[in-house]
Amino acid sequence: MVVVVFRARSKPGIGKDYEEMDARMVDLAVKMPGFVSYRQYASTDGEELAVIEFESHETMAAWRNHPEHREAQRLGRERWFAEYRITVCDVARDYSFKA
């Protein structure tokens, strides 16, 4: 499994177009072959965090290179994000507990 950690800070005053694009990207990602999960969080200091899991580097690359996602990336750099950082991780261990 591959985990992508996307950390970002938005520019002040971004509008509804960002929210619409974000919703579209989530909708598109969950339909991609090899998609496992998506979670999004917001910090009190304004940082946003998304954790996306894919089955493999190949399925993650297919998402990264999807034409609509490429356009969202371009718009993110031009319009919406003051900064971002993407970290791609290979899962070394994965275990859980449920009571």
Protein backbone atom coordinates (compact mmCIF):
# COMPACT_ATOMS: atom_id res chain seq x y z
CA MET A 1 0.00 0.00 0.00
CA VAL A 2 1.09 3.57 -0.71
CA VAL A 3 0.04 6.49 1.48
CA VAL A 4 0.02 10.05 0.18
CA VAL A 5 0.05 12.82 2.78
CA PHE A 6 -1.01 16.19 1.36
CA ARG A 7 -0.47 19.20 3.66
CA ALA A 8 -1.58 22.64 2.49
CA ARG A 9 -2.34 26.18 3.52
CA SER A 10 -4.85 28.07 1.44
CA LYS A 11 -4.55 31.65 0.30
CA PRO A 12 -6.91 34.08 2.05
CA GLY A 13 -10.31 34.53 0.47
CA ILE A 14 -10.49 31.44 -1.73
CA GLY A 15 -14.03 30.86 -2.83
CA LYS A 16 -16.63 28.33 -3.72
CA ASP A 17 -14.72 27.24 -6.83
CA TYR A 18 -12.08 25.65 -4.57
CA GLU A 19 -14.72 23.78 -2.56
CA GLU A 20 -16.34 22.54 -5.76
CA MET A 21 -13.02 21.38 -7.20
CA ASP A 22 -12.09 19.68 -3.92
CA ALA A 23 -15.40 17.79 -3.91
CA ARG A 24 -14.91 16.81 -7.56
CA MET A 25 -11.39 15.52 -6.86
CA VAL A 26 -12.61 13.37 -3.97
CA ASP A 27 -15.43 11.99 -6.13
CA LEU A 28 -12.98 11.22 -8.92
CA ALA A 29 -10.32 9.69 -6.65
CA VAL A 30 -12.68 7.19 -5.00
CA LYS A 31 -13.56 5.84 -8.45
CA MET A 32 -9.93 5.29 -9.50
CA PRO A 33 -8.72 1.69 -9.74
CA GLY A 34 -6.49 0.94 -6.76
CA PHE A 35 -7.99 3.62 -4.53
CA VAL A 36 -8.19 2.47 -0.89
CA SER A 37 -9.23 5.43 1.28
CA TYR A 38 -9.33 9.20 1.70
CA ARG A 39 -9.47 11.27 4.89
CA GLN A 40 -9.27 15.02 5.23
CA TYR A 41 -8.55 17.06 8.37
CA ALA A 42 -8.17 20.74 9.26
CA SER A 43 -5.96 22.12 12.00
CA THR A 44 -6.87 25.06 14.20
CA ASP A 45 -3.89 26.94 12.73
CA GLY A 46 -5.31 26.72 9.20
CA GLU A 47 -3.32 23.81 7.85
CA GLU A 48 -5.30 21.22 5.90
CA LEU A 49 -4.23 17.60 5.76
CA ALA A 50 -5.39 14.83 3.44
CA VAL A 51 -4.33 11.21 3.76
CA ILE A 52 -4.96 9.14 0.64
CA GLU A 53 -4.20 5.42 0.29
CA PHE A 54 -3.67 3.51 -2.94
CA GLU A 55 -2.90 -0.14 -3.57
CA SER A 56 0.39 0.58 -5.41
CA HIS A 57 2.68 3.23 -6.82
CA GLU A 58 1.21 2.52 -10.25
CA THR A 59 -2.37 3.18 -9.13
CA MET A 60 -1.25 6.31 -7.26
CA ALA A 61 0.58 7.53 -10.39
CA ALA A 62 -2.57 7.00 -12.46
CA TRP A 63 -4.40 9.32 -10.06
CA ARG A 64 -1.58 11.87 -10.03
CA ASN A 65 -1.62 11.99 -13.84
CA HIS A 66 -5.40 12.00 -14.38
CA PRO A 67 -6.21 14.98 -16.67
CA GLU A 68 -8.78 16.53 -14.32
CA HIS A 69 -6.44 16.10 -11.37
CA ARG A 70 -3.62 17.72 -13.36
CA GLU A 71 -5.87 20.72 -13.97
CA ALA A 72 -6.74 20.90 -10.27
CA GLN A 73 -3.02 20.82 -9.45
CA ARG A 74 -2.39 23.73 -11.82
CA LEU A 75 -5.25 25.76 -10.36
CA GLY A 76 -4.08 24.96 -6.84
CA ARG A 77 -0.67 26.46 -7.56
CA GLU A 78 -2.11 29.47 -9.39
CA ARG A 79 -5.16 30.31 -7.27
CA TRP A 80 -5.72 28.44 -4.04
CA PHE A 81 -2.61 27.38 -2.17
CA ALA A 82 -0.12 29.59 -0.38
CA GLU A 83 1.95 26.45 0.15
CA TYR A 84 1.69 22.69 0.11
CA ARG A 85 3.76 19.59 0.71
CA ILE A 86 3.17 16.09 -0.62
CA THR A 87 4.78 13.08 1.02
CA VAL A 88 4.49 9.63 -0.55
CA CYS A 89 5.06 6.72 1.83
CA ASP A 90 5.40 2.96 1.47
CA VAL A 91 3.63 1.13 4.28
CA ALA A 92 6.12 -0.88 6.30
CA ARG A 93 3.60 -2.18 8.81
CA ASP A 94 -0.17 -1.94 9.15
CA TYR A 95 -2.16 -3.24 12.09
CA SER A 96 -5.24 -2.21 14.02
CA PHE A 97 -7.30 -2.85 17.14
CA LYS A 98 -11.07 -2.71 17.63
CA ALA A 99 -12.73 -3.15 21.00
